[in-house]
């Protein structure tokens, strides 16, 4: 997730294009390089990353708005011993194609195309899906409208506000397109998390920032479609909550500025009884960036006791 607001201090500007130092666990995780393929879904090429052996239970990881599949590249290896793990970049983001328009059903189609291509059901059980932030919206949609195709769903700091406070999405851009920078180093200095928050693990910010950019004939620019929200359709998310029809968990960063008590109470009050709940300590909205190992531990705990 990146933005080009000049008034916002960049996380990576002090490093002037050099990678920040990273701990050994992170280097070991990203050394477990995923298999990278592309699948075609409704006319768009979709980026697919996979880890682990075919035949093990399937786990699909879905990123947030403006992000990409590599937001999971330092998380997925922790599950690859016991799971067949996959991550996609949504159309309009990462290394996937842009579309003229986007919808909940299109994103659901991308989910199940990834399940098939990654052979997440080869072991004879349905897949479990984890969606972070925006990625939880299509996950919720599938948990409500395609529940028979899922073993379960985990919403990770996916925020659905009460109707009177509901976020309508970012305002449309001016039509000028995404900003372009002369060099990768300059582009990296403009990266920030959105919504804005502190970030102590700058080696993770650098890792995802480098994979958020692409080189064009004009220079370096962000991979995501800046017009996605102008061409996006999804049912009312609050109305989907009581329609959940598969085992579901709600996890969130304990200090997330999006997951307030009011929001949690609204969401839990609308969801079916029996939804598992997990607060990840000392984490903001971008849980896998703030507390990656606690995120892994929390997800492992949920999966080990899955209904």
Protein backbone atom coordinates (compact mmCIF):
# COMPACT_ATOMS: atom_id res chain seq x y z
CA UNK A 1 0.00 0.00 0.00
CA UNK A 2 1.62 3.19 -1.11
CA UNK A 3 0.69 6.79 -1.65
CA UNK A 4 2.38 9.82 -3.12
CA UNK A 5 1.28 12.56 -0.71
CA UNK A 6 4.34 14.76 -0.46
CA UNK A 7 3.29 15.94 2.99
CA UNK A 8 3.60 12.43 4.38
CA UNK A 9 7.02 11.50 5.69
CA UNK A 10 8.40 8.44 3.95
CA UNK A 11 9.39 5.38 5.89
CA UNK A 12 12.37 4.57 3.68
CA UNK A 13 13.76 7.99 2.73
CA UNK A 14 16.60 7.83 5.29
CA UNK A 15 18.04 4.76 3.55
CA UNK A 16 18.30 6.47 0.12
CA UNK A 17 17.53 3.25 -1.77
CA UNK A 18 19.62 0.87 0.35
CA UNK A 19 17.85 -2.07 2.04
CA UNK A 20 17.60 -1.77 5.83
CA UNK A 21 19.25 -4.56 7.83
CA UNK A 22 16.97 -7.57 8.46
CA UNK A 23 16.97 -10.28 11.15
CA UNK A 24 18.00 -13.86 10.38
CA UNK A 25 14.45 -15.25 10.55
CA UNK A 26 13.34 -12.87 7.79
CA UNK A 27 16.25 -13.72 5.50
CA UNK A 28 15.57 -17.42 6.04
CA UNK A 29 11.88 -16.98 5.25
CA UNK A 30 12.32 -15.08 1.99
CA UNK A 31 15.02 -17.57 0.96
CA UNK A 32 12.18 -20.08 0.61
CA UNK A 33 11.34 -18.66 -2.79
CA UNK A 34 7.81 -19.40 -4.03
CA UNK A 35 6.98 -20.85 -7.40
CA UNK A 36 5.67 -17.96 -9.50
CA UNK A 37 3.11 -18.55 -12.21
CA UNK A 38 0.37 -16.65 -13.99
CA UNK A 39 -3.20 -17.82 -14.46
CA UNK A 40 -5.81 -16.29 -16.75
CA UNK A 41 -9.09 -15.39 -15.07
CA UNK A 42 -11.89 -13.76 -17.06
CA UNK A 43 -9.41 -12.30 -19.54
CA UNK A 44 -6.88 -11.00 -17.00
CA UNK A 45 -3.52 -12.53 -16.07
CA UNK A 46 -3.34 -13.10 -12.31
CA UNK A 47 -0.06 -13.48 -10.40
CA UNK A 48 0.07 -16.69 -8.33
CA UNK A 49 2.69 -17.67 -5.74
CA UNK A 50 2.82 -21.15 -4.17
CA UNK A 51 4.76 -22.90 -1.39
CA UNK A 52 4.62 -26.41 0.05
CA UNK A 53 3.66 -29.81 -1.29
CA UNK A 54 0.60 -30.52 -3.40
CA UNK A 55 -1.69 -32.84 -1.48
CA UNK A 56 -1.41 -31.09 1.88
CA UNK A 57 -4.37 -29.01 3.13
CA UNK A 58 -4.84 -25.82 1.11
CA UNK A 59 -4.30 -22.33 2.51
CA UNK A 60 -4.91 -19.25 0.34
CA UNK A 61 -3.55 -15.87 1.50
CA UNK A 62 -5.13 -12.67 0.16
CA UNK A 63 -3.55 -9.21 0.46
CA UNK A 64 -5.05 -5.78 1.05
CA UNK A 65 -5.75 -2.72 -1.07
CA UNK A 66 -2.85 -1.50 -3.22
CA UNK A 67 -0.67 -4.39 -2.04
CA UNK A 68 0.42 -7.63 -3.74
CA UNK A 69 1.07 -11.33 -3.16
CA UNK A 70 4.59 -10.74 -1.81
CA UNK A 71 3.11 -9.21 1.34
CA UNK A 72 2.84 -12.89 2.32
CA UNK A 73 6.29 -14.05 1.13
CA UNK A 74 7.82 -13.77 4.60
CA UNK A 75 4.72 -15.31 6.27
CA UNK A 76 3.79 -18.20 3.97
CA UNK A 77 7.01 -20.23 4.48
CA UNK A 78 6.09 -20.74 8.14
CA UNK A 79 3.05 -22.73 6.99
CA UNK A 80 4.57 -24.57 4.03
CA UNK A 81 5.62 -27.63 6.05
CA UNK A 82 2.02 -28.53 6.87
CA UNK A 83 0.04 -26.75 4.16
CA UNK A 84 -0.04 -26.22 0.45
CA UNK A 85 0.05 -22.42 0.53
CA UNK A 86 -0.84 -19.97 -2.22
CA UNK A 87 -1.11 -16.20 -2.58
CA UNK A 88 -2.41 -14.13 -5.47
CA UNK A 89 -2.18 -10.52 -6.51
CA UNK A 90 -5.71 -9.28 -7.15
CA UNK A 91 -6.42 -7.96 -10.61
CA UNK A 92 -5.53 -4.27 -10.60
CA UNK A 93 -2.68 -4.86 -8.15
CA UNK A 94 0.81 -6.36 -8.00
CA UNK A 95 1.89 -8.28 -11.07
CA UNK A 96 -1.68 -8.91 -12.22
CA UNK A 97 -3.46 -7.23 -15.10
CA UNK A 98 -5.77 -4.26 -14.64
CA UNK A 99 -9.46 -4.50 -15.59
CA UNK A 100 -11.95 -1.96 -16.93
CA UNK A 101 -14.14 -2.77 -13.89
CA UNK A 102 -13.92 -4.88 -10.72
CA UNK A 103 -16.56 -6.68 -8.67
CA UNK A 104 -16.99 -9.04 -5.75
CA UNK A 105 -17.92 -11.90 -8.05
CA UNK A 106 -14.86 -11.29 -10.24
CA UNK A 107 -12.61 -11.42 -7.18
CA UNK A 108 -14.40 -14.58 -6.04
CA UNK A 109 -13.68 -16.07 -9.44
CA UNK A 110 -10.00 -15.19 -8.97
CA UNK A 111 -10.03 -16.92 -5.58
CA UNK A 112 -11.40 -20.21 -6.89
CA UNK A 113 -9.25 -20.09 -10.02
CA UNK A 114 -6.23 -19.85 -7.71
CA UNK A 115 -7.54 -22.75 -5.62
CA UNK A 116 -7.71 -24.89 -8.74
CA UNK A 117 -4.41 -23.78 -10.27
CA UNK A 118 -2.49 -24.20 -7.00
CA UNK A 119 -4.16 -27.59 -6.41
CA UNK A 120 -5.23 -26.55 -2.93
CA UNK A 121 -7.90 -29.27 -2.89
CA UNK A 122 -5.63 -32.10 -4.04
CA UNK A 123 -5.57 -33.56 -0.53
CA UNK A 124 -9.31 -34.05 -0.58
CA UNK A 125 -10.30 -31.15 1.70
CA UNK A 126 -11.62 -27.71 0.86
CA UNK A 127 -9.27 -24.73 1.22
CA UNK A 128 -9.07 -22.26 4.05
CA UNK A 129 -8.79 -18.59 3.06
CA UNK A 130 -7.12 -15.73 4.96
CA UNK A 131 -7.87 -12.20 3.80
CA UNK A 132 -6.10 -9.12 5.18
CA UNK A 133 -7.83 -5.73 5.14
CA UNK A 134 -9.44 -5.27 1.69
CA UNK A 135 -8.60 -8.92 0.97
CA UNK A 136 -11.14 -9.81 3.64
CA UNK A 137 -13.96 -8.29 1.57
CA UNK A 138 -13.89 -10.93 -1.20
CA UNK A 139 -13.14 -13.50 1.53
CA UNK A 140 -16.30 -12.46 3.36
CA UNK A 141 -18.24 -12.52 0.10
CA UNK A 142 -17.14 -16.11 -0.52
CA UNK A 143 -17.88 -17.11 3.09
CA UNK A 144 -21.43 -15.89 2.55
CA UNK A 145 -22.19 -16.66 -1.09
CA UNK A 146 -19.83 -19.61 -1.81
CA UNK A 147 -19.51 -21.15 1.66
CA UNK A 148 -19.91 -24.69 0.36
CA UNK A 149 -16.58 -24.33 -1.43
CA UNK A 150 -14.58 -23.33 1.66
CA UNK A 151 -13.31 -25.11 4.74
CA UNK A 152 -13.34 -21.73 6.42
CA UNK A 153 -12.33 -18.07 6.33
CA UNK A 154 -10.17 -15.80 8.47
CA UNK A 155 -10.65 -12.02 8.28
CA UNK A 156 -7.44 -10.28 9.36
CA UNK A 157 -8.04 -6.66 10.40
CA UNK A 158 -10.82 -6.42 7.85
CA UNK A 159 -12.86 -3.44 8.96
CA UNK A 160 -16.58 -3.01 8.34
CA UNK A 161 -17.89 0.12 10.02
CA UNK A 162 -21.45 0.69 11.19
CA UNK A 163 -23.54 2.09 8.31
CA UNK A 164 -23.49 5.67 9.56
CA UNK A 165 -19.68 5.66 9.67
CA UNK A 166 -18.97 3.48 6.69
CA UNK A 167 -15.89 4.40 4.64
CA UNK A 168 -16.82 5.01 1.00
CA UNK A 169 -13.35 4.32 -0.36
CA UNK A 170 -10.65 6.81 -1.40
CA UNK A 171 -11.72 9.68 -3.63
CA UNK A 172 -11.12 9.24 -7.35
CA UNK A 173 -7.80 10.55 -8.55
CA UNK A 174 -7.53 13.45 -10.94
CA UNK A 175 -7.15 11.30 -14.04
CA UNK A 176 -3.42 11.99 -14.27
CA UNK A 177 -2.58 8.37 -13.46
CA UNK A 178 -0.01 7.11 -11.01
CA UNK A 179 3.07 9.28 -10.34
CA UNK A 180 6.30 8.38 -12.15
CA UNK A 181 9.78 8.65 -10.65
CA UNK A 182 13.12 8.84 -12.45
CA UNK A 183 14.80 6.13 -10.38
CA UNK A 184 13.91 3.22 -8.13
CA UNK A 185 15.71 4.96 -5.27
CA UNK A 186 13.50 8.04 -5.63
CA UNK A 187 10.36 5.89 -5.79
CA UNK A 188 11.30 4.01 -2.63
CA UNK A 189 11.58 7.29 -0.73
CA UNK A 190 7.89 7.94 -1.48
CA UNK A 191 6.57 4.65 -0.10
CA UNK A 192 4.31 4.69 2.95
CA UNK A 193 1.70 2.45 4.48
CA UNK A 194 -1.92 3.37 3.86
CA UNK A 195 -3.69 4.16 6.08
CA UNK A 196 -0.66 5.85 7.66
CA UNK A 197 0.84 4.26 10.76
CA UNK A 198 4.23 3.82 12.43
CA UNK A 199 6.49 1.02 11.22
CA UNK A 200 9.35 -0.39 13.25
CA UNK A 201 10.21 -3.24 10.86
CA UNK A 202 11.58 -1.15 8.00
CA UNK A 203 13.21 -4.19 6.38
CA UNK A 204 9.67 -5.45 5.69
CA UNK A 205 8.56 -2.06 4.39
CA UNK A 206 11.55 -2.07 2.02
CA UNK A 207 10.82 -5.63 0.88
CA UNK A 208 7.19 -4.92 -0.02
CA UNK A 209 7.96 -1.46 -1.44
CA UNK A 210 10.45 -2.82 -3.99
CA UNK A 211 7.82 -5.31 -5.16
CA UNK A 212 5.17 -2.59 -5.34
CA UNK A 213 6.97 -0.80 -8.17
CA UNK A 214 7.48 -1.44 -11.87
CA UNK A 215 9.77 0.13 -14.43
CA UNK A 216 8.21 1.73 -17.51
CA UNK A 217 9.61 3.67 -20.44
CA UNK A 218 8.97 6.88 -18.50
CA UNK A 219 10.43 5.70 -15.17
CA UNK A 220 9.31 3.88 -12.03
CA UNK A 221 5.68 3.80 -10.91
CA UNK A 222 3.33 1.88 -8.60
CA UNK A 223 1.82 -1.37 -9.85
CA UNK A 224 -1.72 -0.83 -8.60
CA UNK A 225 -4.56 0.58 -10.71
CA UNK A 226 -5.24 4.11 -9.38
CA UNK A 227 -8.78 3.97 -10.81
CA UNK A 228 -9.78 0.67 -9.20
CA UNK A 229 -12.12 2.25 -6.66
CA UNK A 230 -13.94 4.21 -9.35
CA UNK A 231 -14.81 0.96 -11.11
CA UNK A 232 -15.53 -1.31 -8.12
CA UNK A 233 -18.80 -3.00 -7.14
CA UNK A 234 -19.51 -5.12 -4.07
CA UNK A 235 -22.68 -5.82 -2.05
CA UNK A 236 -23.14 -4.06 1.27
CA UNK A 237 -20.52 -5.67 3.48
CA UNK A 238 -22.54 -5.27 6.64
CA UNK A 239 -25.36 -7.25 5.07
CA UNK A 240 -22.91 -10.05 4.20
CA UNK A 241 -21.82 -10.54 7.83
CA UNK A 242 -24.95 -12.42 9.00
CA UNK A 243 -24.87 -14.50 5.80
CA UNK A 244 -21.55 -16.17 6.71
CA UNK A 245 -22.14 -19.90 6.32
CA UNK A 246 -18.74 -21.53 6.93
CA UNK A 247 -16.43 -21.61 9.98
CA UNK A 248 -14.95 -18.13 10.34
CA UNK A 249 -12.47 -16.27 12.51
CA UNK A 250 -11.97 -12.56 13.03
CA UNK A 251 -8.42 -11.49 13.92
CA UNK A 252 -7.09 -7.95 14.28
CA UNK A 253 -4.20 -5.84 15.45
CA UNK A 254 -4.82 -4.94 19.08
CA UNK A 255 -3.85 -1.29 18.48
CA UNK A 256 -5.27 -1.04 14.95
CA UNK A 257 -6.73 2.43 14.44
CA UNK A 258 -9.36 0.90 12.15
CA UNK A 259 -10.60 -1.85 14.47
CA UNK A 260 -12.15 0.23 17.24
CA UNK A 261 -14.38 -1.21 19.98
CA UNK A 262 -17.38 0.24 18.16
CA UNK A 263 -16.39 -1.48 14.92
CA UNK A 264 -15.64 -4.79 16.62
CA UNK A 265 -18.95 -4.73 18.47
CA UNK A 266 -20.82 -3.97 15.26
CA UNK A 267 -19.09 -6.73 13.28
CA UNK A 268 -19.35 -9.40 15.99
CA UNK A 269 -22.98 -8.45 16.60
CA UNK A 270 -23.79 -9.02 12.93
CA UNK A 271 -21.77 -12.24 12.51
CA UNK A 272 -23.15 -15.71 13.35
CA UNK A 273 -22.49 -17.16 16.77
CA UNK A 274 -19.34 -19.23 17.12
CA UNK A 275 -17.02 -16.94 15.15
CA UNK A 276 -13.51 -17.23 16.60
CA UNK A 277 -11.89 -13.98 17.74
CA UNK A 278 -8.20 -13.17 18.13
CA UNK A 279 -6.44 -9.91 19.00
CA UNK A 280 -2.77 -9.83 17.99
CA UNK A 281 -0.83 -7.82 20.59
CA UNK A 282 1.23 -4.73 19.79
CA UNK A 283 0.05 -4.70 16.16
CA UNK A 284 -1.49 -1.93 14.08
CA UNK A 285 -3.63 -2.49 10.99
CA UNK A 286 -0.81 -4.00 8.90
CA UNK A 287 -0.46 -6.96 11.22
CA UNK A 288 2.06 -8.97 9.18
CA UNK A 289 4.31 -5.90 8.94
CA UNK A 290 3.97 -4.81 12.58
CA UNK A 291 4.21 -8.20 14.30
CA UNK A 292 5.06 -10.83 11.67
CA UNK A 293 5.98 -13.63 14.08
CA UNK A 294 3.00 -12.93 16.35
CA UNK A 295 0.85 -12.96 13.22
CA UNK A 296 2.25 -16.38 12.31
CA UNK A 297 1.73 -17.66 15.85
CA UNK A 298 -1.84 -16.37 15.95
CA UNK A 299 -2.75 -17.92 12.61
CA UNK A 300 -1.07 -21.19 13.59
CA UNK A 301 -3.13 -21.27 16.76
CA UNK A 302 -6.36 -20.70 14.86
CA UNK A 303 -5.52 -23.32 12.24
CA UNK A 304 -4.47 -25.92 14.81
CA UNK A 305 -7.89 -25.70 16.45
CA UNK A 306 -9.98 -25.12 13.36
CA UNK A 307 -13.56 -26.41 13.60
